[in-house]
N, C-alpha and C. Protein backbone atom coordinates (compact mmCIF):
# COMPACT_ATOMS: atom_id res chain seq x y z
N MET A 1 0.84 -1.18 0.00
CA MET A 1 0.00 0.00 0.00
C MET A 1 0.88 1.25 0.00
N ASP A 2 0.48 2.22 -0.80
CA ASP A 2 1.21 3.49 -0.88
C ASP A 2 1.13 4.19 0.48
N PRO A 3 2.27 4.58 1.05
CA PRO A 3 2.24 5.23 2.36
C PRO A 3 1.75 6.68 2.31
N ARG A 4 1.55 7.19 1.11
CA ARG A 4 1.10 8.58 0.98
C ARG A 4 -0.42 8.67 1.05
N VAL A 5 -0.88 9.83 1.54
CA VAL A 5 -2.31 10.10 1.67
C VAL A 5 -2.58 11.48 1.10
N PHE A 6 -3.65 11.59 0.32
CA PHE A 6 -4.04 12.90 -0.20
C PHE A 6 -4.71 13.70 0.92
N LEU A 7 -4.37 14.96 1.00
CA LEU A 7 -4.87 15.85 2.05
C LEU A 7 -5.85 16.85 1.43
N ASP A 8 -7.10 16.76 1.83
CA ASP A 8 -8.15 17.66 1.33
C ASP A 8 -8.34 18.84 2.28
N ALA A 9 -8.86 19.92 1.73
CA ALA A 9 -9.08 21.15 2.51
C ALA A 9 -9.99 20.91 3.71
N SER A 10 -11.05 20.13 3.54
CA SER A 10 -12.00 19.94 4.64
C SER A 10 -11.33 19.33 5.87
N PHE A 11 -10.35 18.47 5.64
CA PHE A 11 -9.64 17.86 6.76
C PHE A 11 -8.78 18.89 7.48
N TRP A 12 -8.00 19.66 6.71
CA TRP A 12 -7.09 20.62 7.35
C TRP A 12 -7.86 21.74 8.03
N ILE A 13 -8.99 22.12 7.47
CA ILE A 13 -9.84 23.13 8.12
C ILE A 13 -10.34 22.58 9.45
N ALA A 14 -10.79 21.34 9.47
CA ALA A 14 -11.24 20.74 10.73
C ALA A 14 -10.10 20.65 11.74
N TYR A 15 -8.90 20.33 11.25
CA TYR A 15 -7.73 20.24 12.13
C TYR A 15 -7.41 21.59 12.79
N ARG A 16 -7.52 22.67 12.04
CA ARG A 16 -7.13 23.98 12.55
C ARG A 16 -8.27 24.82 13.11
N GLU A 17 -9.50 24.37 12.95
CA GLU A 17 -10.64 25.13 13.47
C GLU A 17 -11.27 24.37 14.63
N PRO A 18 -10.96 24.79 15.87
CA PRO A 18 -11.44 24.04 17.04
C PRO A 18 -12.96 23.95 17.15
N ARG A 19 -13.68 24.85 16.51
CA ARG A 19 -15.14 24.82 16.58
C ARG A 19 -15.75 23.88 15.54
N ASP A 20 -14.94 23.37 14.64
CA ASP A 20 -15.43 22.45 13.63
C ASP A 20 -15.87 21.14 14.29
N THR A 21 -16.96 20.58 13.82
CA THR A 21 -17.48 19.35 14.44
C THR A 21 -16.53 18.16 14.29
N HIS A 22 -15.62 18.23 13.34
CA HIS A 22 -14.67 17.13 13.11
C HIS A 22 -13.28 17.41 13.70
N SER A 23 -13.12 18.48 14.43
CA SER A 23 -11.80 18.91 14.91
C SER A 23 -11.11 17.85 15.77
N VAL A 24 -11.79 17.30 16.73
CA VAL A 24 -11.18 16.31 17.63
C VAL A 24 -10.75 15.09 16.84
N ARG A 25 -11.61 14.64 15.94
CA ARG A 25 -11.29 13.47 15.11
C ARG A 25 -10.09 13.75 14.21
N ALA A 26 -10.06 14.94 13.60
CA ALA A 26 -8.95 15.31 12.72
C ALA A 26 -7.63 15.29 13.48
N ASN A 27 -7.63 15.82 14.68
CA ASN A 27 -6.40 15.83 15.48
C ASN A 27 -5.95 14.41 15.84
N ALA A 28 -6.89 13.55 16.18
CA ALA A 28 -6.54 12.16 16.54
C ALA A 28 -5.98 11.42 15.32
N ILE A 29 -6.62 11.58 14.18
CA ILE A 29 -6.15 10.93 12.95
C ILE A 29 -4.75 11.41 12.60
N LEU A 30 -4.54 12.71 12.66
CA LEU A 30 -3.24 13.27 12.29
C LEU A 30 -2.14 12.79 13.22
N ARG A 31 -2.41 12.73 14.50
CA ARG A 31 -1.40 12.21 15.45
C ARG A 31 -1.00 10.79 15.07
N GLN A 32 -1.98 9.96 14.74
CA GLN A 32 -1.70 8.58 14.38
C GLN A 32 -0.89 8.50 13.09
N LEU A 33 -1.24 9.31 12.11
CA LEU A 33 -0.52 9.28 10.84
C LEU A 33 0.90 9.82 10.97
N PHE A 34 1.09 10.82 11.83
CA PHE A 34 2.45 11.31 12.07
C PHE A 34 3.31 10.22 12.70
N LYS A 35 2.73 9.45 13.63
CA LYS A 35 3.46 8.36 14.26
C LYS A 35 3.90 7.32 13.24
N SER A 36 3.07 7.09 12.25
CA SER A 36 3.41 6.08 11.23
C SER A 36 4.21 6.66 10.07
N ARG A 37 4.65 7.91 10.23
CA ARG A 37 5.50 8.58 9.24
C ARG A 37 4.86 8.68 7.84
N THR A 38 3.58 8.92 7.85
CA THR A 38 2.84 9.09 6.61
C THR A 38 3.27 10.38 5.92
N ARG A 39 3.35 10.32 4.60
CA ARG A 39 3.60 11.51 3.79
C ARG A 39 2.27 11.95 3.21
N PHE A 40 2.12 13.25 3.07
CA PHE A 40 0.87 13.82 2.60
C PHE A 40 1.09 14.48 1.24
N VAL A 41 0.08 14.35 0.40
CA VAL A 41 0.11 14.97 -0.93
C VAL A 41 -1.11 15.88 -1.03
N THR A 42 -0.91 17.06 -1.55
CA THR A 42 -2.02 17.98 -1.78
C THR A 42 -1.70 18.83 -3.00
N THR A 43 -2.53 19.81 -3.25
CA THR A 43 -2.33 20.68 -4.41
C THR A 43 -2.45 22.14 -3.98
N PHE A 44 -1.97 23.00 -4.83
CA PHE A 44 -2.09 24.43 -4.55
C PHE A 44 -3.56 24.86 -4.47
N PRO A 45 -4.46 24.36 -5.34
CA PRO A 45 -5.87 24.73 -5.18
C PRO A 45 -6.45 24.33 -3.82
N VAL A 46 -6.01 23.20 -3.26
CA VAL A 46 -6.48 22.82 -1.92
C VAL A 46 -5.95 23.82 -0.89
N LEU A 47 -4.69 24.20 -1.00
CA LEU A 47 -4.13 25.21 -0.10
C LEU A 47 -4.91 26.51 -0.21
N CYS A 48 -5.30 26.88 -1.42
CA CYS A 48 -6.11 28.09 -1.62
C CYS A 48 -7.43 28.01 -0.87
N GLU A 49 -8.09 26.85 -0.91
CA GLU A 49 -9.35 26.67 -0.19
C GLU A 49 -9.15 26.82 1.32
N VAL A 50 -8.09 26.23 1.84
CA VAL A 50 -7.82 26.31 3.28
C VAL A 50 -7.53 27.76 3.68
N GLN A 51 -6.65 28.40 2.93
CA GLN A 51 -6.31 29.78 3.25
C GLN A 51 -7.53 30.69 3.12
N ALA A 52 -8.37 30.48 2.13
CA ALA A 52 -9.59 31.30 1.96
C ALA A 52 -10.50 31.15 3.17
N PHE A 53 -10.62 29.93 3.68
CA PHE A 53 -11.47 29.71 4.85
C PHE A 53 -10.99 30.55 6.05
N PHE A 54 -9.67 30.62 6.22
CA PHE A 54 -9.10 31.33 7.36
C PHE A 54 -8.66 32.76 7.03
N SER A 55 -8.99 33.26 5.88
CA SER A 55 -8.45 34.55 5.44
C SER A 55 -8.83 35.72 6.34
N ARG A 56 -9.90 35.63 7.07
CA ARG A 56 -10.31 36.72 7.97
C ARG A 56 -9.76 36.55 9.39
N HIS A 57 -9.07 35.47 9.63
CA HIS A 57 -8.49 35.22 10.94
C HIS A 57 -7.00 35.49 10.84
N THR A 58 -6.53 36.61 11.38
CA THR A 58 -5.17 37.09 11.13
C THR A 58 -4.07 36.11 11.53
N VAL A 59 -4.23 35.40 12.62
CA VAL A 59 -3.19 34.47 13.05
C VAL A 59 -3.27 33.16 12.27
N ARG A 60 -4.46 32.57 12.21
CA ARG A 60 -4.59 31.26 11.58
C ARG A 60 -4.33 31.28 10.08
N ARG A 61 -4.60 32.38 9.41
CA ARG A 61 -4.36 32.39 7.96
C ARG A 61 -2.87 32.23 7.66
N HIS A 62 -2.01 32.72 8.54
CA HIS A 62 -0.57 32.54 8.34
C HIS A 62 -0.12 31.16 8.82
N THR A 63 -0.75 30.68 9.87
CA THR A 63 -0.43 29.36 10.40
C THR A 63 -0.71 28.27 9.37
N VAL A 64 -1.88 28.34 8.71
CA VAL A 64 -2.21 27.28 7.76
C VAL A 64 -1.30 27.31 6.54
N LEU A 65 -0.84 28.48 6.16
CA LEU A 65 0.13 28.54 5.05
C LEU A 65 1.42 27.83 5.44
N ALA A 66 1.91 28.12 6.64
CA ALA A 66 3.14 27.46 7.11
C ALA A 66 2.92 25.97 7.32
N ASP A 67 1.74 25.60 7.86
CA ASP A 67 1.41 24.19 8.08
C ASP A 67 1.66 23.35 6.84
N LEU A 68 1.20 23.85 5.73
CA LEU A 68 1.23 23.06 4.50
C LEU A 68 2.40 23.42 3.60
N TRP A 69 2.56 24.69 3.32
CA TRP A 69 3.58 25.12 2.35
C TRP A 69 5.00 24.84 2.82
N GLN A 70 5.23 24.95 4.12
CA GLN A 70 6.59 24.80 4.64
C GLN A 70 6.78 23.49 5.40
N ASN A 71 5.88 22.55 5.23
CA ASN A 71 5.94 21.30 5.97
C ASN A 71 6.71 20.25 5.16
N PRO A 72 7.76 19.70 5.73
CA PRO A 72 8.57 18.72 4.98
C PRO A 72 7.87 17.38 4.69
N VAL A 73 6.75 17.10 5.35
CA VAL A 73 6.03 15.85 5.06
C VAL A 73 4.84 16.06 4.12
N VAL A 74 4.70 17.29 3.62
CA VAL A 74 3.62 17.59 2.67
C VAL A 74 4.24 17.88 1.31
N ASP A 75 3.82 17.10 0.33
CA ASP A 75 4.28 17.29 -1.05
C ASP A 75 3.15 17.90 -1.86
N PHE A 76 3.50 18.90 -2.64
CA PHE A 76 2.52 19.53 -3.53
C PHE A 76 2.66 18.93 -4.92
N GLU A 77 1.56 18.42 -5.41
CA GLU A 77 1.52 17.87 -6.77
C GLU A 77 1.07 18.98 -7.71
N ASP A 78 1.85 19.21 -8.75
CA ASP A 78 1.50 20.24 -9.72
C ASP A 78 0.23 19.86 -10.47
N VAL A 79 -0.57 20.87 -10.78
CA VAL A 79 -1.76 20.69 -11.59
C VAL A 79 -1.36 20.96 -13.04
N THR A 80 -1.52 19.95 -13.88
CA THR A 80 -1.16 20.09 -15.29
C THR A 80 -2.37 20.54 -16.10
N PHE A 81 -2.11 20.98 -17.31
CA PHE A 81 -3.20 21.35 -18.20
C PHE A 81 -4.10 20.13 -18.45
N GLN A 82 -3.50 18.97 -18.60
CA GLN A 82 -4.29 17.75 -18.79
C GLN A 82 -5.16 17.45 -17.57
N ASP A 83 -4.65 17.71 -16.37
CA ASP A 83 -5.47 17.55 -15.16
C ASP A 83 -6.69 18.46 -15.22
N GLN A 84 -6.46 19.70 -15.64
CA GLN A 84 -7.57 20.65 -15.75
C GLN A 84 -8.61 20.16 -16.75
N GLU A 85 -8.14 19.71 -17.91
CA GLU A 85 -9.04 19.19 -18.94
C GLU A 85 -9.82 17.99 -18.41
N SER A 86 -9.14 17.10 -17.72
CA SER A 86 -9.78 15.89 -17.19
C SER A 86 -10.81 16.24 -16.11
N ALA A 87 -10.50 17.23 -15.29
CA ALA A 87 -11.44 17.64 -14.24
C ALA A 87 -12.71 18.24 -14.85
N ILE A 88 -12.55 19.06 -15.86
CA ILE A 88 -13.71 19.64 -16.55
C ILE A 88 -14.54 18.52 -17.18
N ALA A 89 -13.87 17.56 -17.82
CA ALA A 89 -14.58 16.44 -18.44
C ALA A 89 -15.33 15.63 -17.38
N LEU A 90 -14.72 15.43 -16.23
CA LEU A 90 -15.36 14.69 -15.14
C LEU A 90 -16.64 15.41 -14.70
N LEU A 91 -16.58 16.72 -14.56
CA LEU A 91 -17.76 17.48 -14.17
C LEU A 91 -18.86 17.38 -15.23
N ARG A 92 -18.46 17.41 -16.49
CA ARG A 92 -19.44 17.27 -17.58
C ARG A 92 -20.07 15.88 -17.59
N ASP A 93 -19.25 14.85 -17.32
CA ASP A 93 -19.73 13.47 -17.36
C ASP A 93 -20.61 13.11 -16.17
N GLN A 94 -20.39 13.76 -15.05
CA GLN A 94 -21.11 13.39 -13.83
C GLN A 94 -22.01 14.55 -13.37
N ARG A 95 -22.89 14.95 -14.25
CA ARG A 95 -23.78 16.09 -13.98
C ARG A 95 -24.72 15.87 -12.81
N ASP A 96 -24.94 14.63 -12.46
CA ASP A 96 -25.83 14.33 -11.33
C ASP A 96 -25.14 14.52 -9.98
N LYS A 97 -23.84 14.78 -9.99
CA LYS A 97 -23.07 14.97 -8.75
C LYS A 97 -22.82 16.47 -8.52
N SER A 98 -22.51 16.81 -7.29
CA SER A 98 -22.29 18.22 -6.95
C SER A 98 -20.83 18.50 -6.59
N PHE A 99 -19.91 17.78 -7.24
CA PHE A 99 -18.49 18.01 -6.98
C PHE A 99 -18.11 19.44 -7.37
N SER A 100 -17.19 20.02 -6.62
CA SER A 100 -16.62 21.30 -7.03
C SER A 100 -15.50 21.03 -8.03
N LEU A 101 -15.07 22.07 -8.71
CA LEU A 101 -13.95 21.93 -9.63
C LEU A 101 -12.69 21.52 -8.87
N CYS A 102 -12.51 22.07 -7.68
CA CYS A 102 -11.34 21.68 -6.87
C CYS A 102 -11.42 20.20 -6.50
N ASP A 103 -12.61 19.71 -6.15
CA ASP A 103 -12.77 18.28 -5.87
C ASP A 103 -12.41 17.45 -7.09
N ALA A 104 -12.95 17.83 -8.24
CA ALA A 104 -12.70 17.09 -9.48
C ALA A 104 -11.20 17.07 -9.79
N LEU A 105 -10.53 18.20 -9.60
CA LEU A 105 -9.08 18.25 -9.79
C LEU A 105 -8.38 17.29 -8.84
N SER A 106 -8.81 17.26 -7.59
CA SER A 106 -8.22 16.36 -6.61
C SER A 106 -8.41 14.91 -7.04
N PHE A 107 -9.60 14.54 -7.51
CA PHE A 107 -9.87 13.17 -7.95
C PHE A 107 -8.92 12.78 -9.08
N VAL A 108 -8.82 13.68 -10.06
CA VAL A 108 -7.99 13.42 -11.24
C VAL A 108 -6.52 13.26 -10.85
N ILE A 109 -6.05 14.14 -10.00
CA ILE A 109 -4.65 14.10 -9.59
C ILE A 109 -4.37 12.85 -8.75
N MET A 110 -5.29 12.52 -7.86
CA MET A 110 -5.11 11.30 -7.07
C MET A 110 -5.00 10.08 -7.99
N GLN A 111 -5.84 10.02 -8.99
CA GLN A 111 -5.77 8.90 -9.93
C GLN A 111 -4.47 8.92 -10.71
N ARG A 112 -4.06 10.10 -11.17
CA ARG A 112 -2.83 10.20 -11.96
C ARG A 112 -1.60 9.73 -11.19
N VAL A 113 -1.51 10.09 -9.91
CA VAL A 113 -0.32 9.74 -9.13
C VAL A 113 -0.48 8.43 -8.35
N GLY A 114 -1.63 7.79 -8.50
CA GLY A 114 -1.83 6.48 -7.90
C GLY A 114 -2.15 6.49 -6.42
N LEU A 115 -2.80 7.54 -5.94
CA LEU A 115 -3.18 7.58 -4.52
C LEU A 115 -4.57 7.00 -4.34
N SER A 116 -4.72 6.18 -3.32
CA SER A 116 -6.03 5.57 -3.08
C SER A 116 -6.66 6.02 -1.76
N ARG A 117 -5.87 6.67 -0.90
CA ARG A 117 -6.39 7.11 0.40
C ARG A 117 -6.44 8.62 0.48
N VAL A 118 -7.45 9.13 1.19
CA VAL A 118 -7.62 10.58 1.30
C VAL A 118 -8.08 10.94 2.72
N LEU A 119 -7.53 12.04 3.22
CA LEU A 119 -7.98 12.63 4.47
C LEU A 119 -8.98 13.71 4.11
N THR A 120 -10.24 13.48 4.45
CA THR A 120 -11.28 14.43 4.10
C THR A 120 -12.50 14.22 4.97
N PHE A 121 -13.27 15.27 5.12
CA PHE A 121 -14.60 15.18 5.72
C PHE A 121 -15.63 15.61 4.68
N ASP A 122 -15.21 15.72 3.46
CA ASP A 122 -16.06 16.10 2.33
C ASP A 122 -16.68 14.83 1.74
N ASN A 123 -17.98 14.73 1.80
CA ASN A 123 -18.67 13.52 1.32
C ASN A 123 -18.54 13.30 -0.18
N HIS A 124 -18.09 14.31 -0.91
CA HIS A 124 -17.93 14.14 -2.35
C HIS A 124 -16.90 13.06 -2.68
N PHE A 125 -15.90 12.88 -1.84
CA PHE A 125 -14.90 11.84 -2.09
C PHE A 125 -15.54 10.46 -1.95
N LYS A 126 -16.44 10.30 -1.00
CA LYS A 126 -17.17 9.04 -0.87
C LYS A 126 -18.14 8.88 -2.04
N GLN A 127 -18.78 9.98 -2.42
CA GLN A 127 -19.73 9.95 -3.53
C GLN A 127 -19.03 9.54 -4.83
N PHE A 128 -17.82 10.03 -5.03
CA PHE A 128 -17.07 9.66 -6.22
C PHE A 128 -16.74 8.16 -6.20
N GLY A 129 -16.41 7.64 -5.01
CA GLY A 129 -16.34 6.22 -4.80
C GLY A 129 -15.05 5.50 -5.18
N ASN A 130 -14.02 6.18 -5.60
CA ASN A 130 -12.80 5.50 -6.03
C ASN A 130 -11.69 5.51 -4.99
N PHE A 131 -11.95 6.05 -3.82
CA PHE A 131 -10.89 6.24 -2.84
C PHE A 131 -11.32 5.75 -1.47
N ALA A 132 -10.33 5.38 -0.65
CA ALA A 132 -10.58 5.02 0.75
C ALA A 132 -10.47 6.30 1.57
N VAL A 133 -11.56 6.69 2.16
CA VAL A 133 -11.60 7.91 2.97
C VAL A 133 -11.20 7.58 4.40
N ILE A 134 -10.19 8.29 4.88
CA ILE A 134 -9.76 8.14 6.28
C ILE A 134 -10.50 9.20 7.05
N ASP A 135 -11.52 8.79 7.77
CA ASP A 135 -12.30 9.75 8.55
C ASP A 135 -12.64 9.17 9.89
């Protein structure tokens, strides 16, 4: 099994927002994954979502940038033009779903790099159905 896990915005928001209903669970999961030396993969669009959520909170908006951007166990996967094309096609093909473009990009990138596990509290990953959600 690939030791890497995709990191979604909903998970990191829950981790850094103590009032989030998933905060305690996110902290427990992260502690366990750090112990097992898990590496995390995410994308710049996911970082944008996290930072946007905390953009009005002066301390946390800088903390979340450092959490992810400067973290040696977090790898950023570049979004290619083909990833963008594939994400748009996915949205067109699955009109009955309510995935965001960022979600679709995450799905496409996870498939491209061979990731099967994701840290998320976003039900769209379960709805898509191709990944093991660690929640």
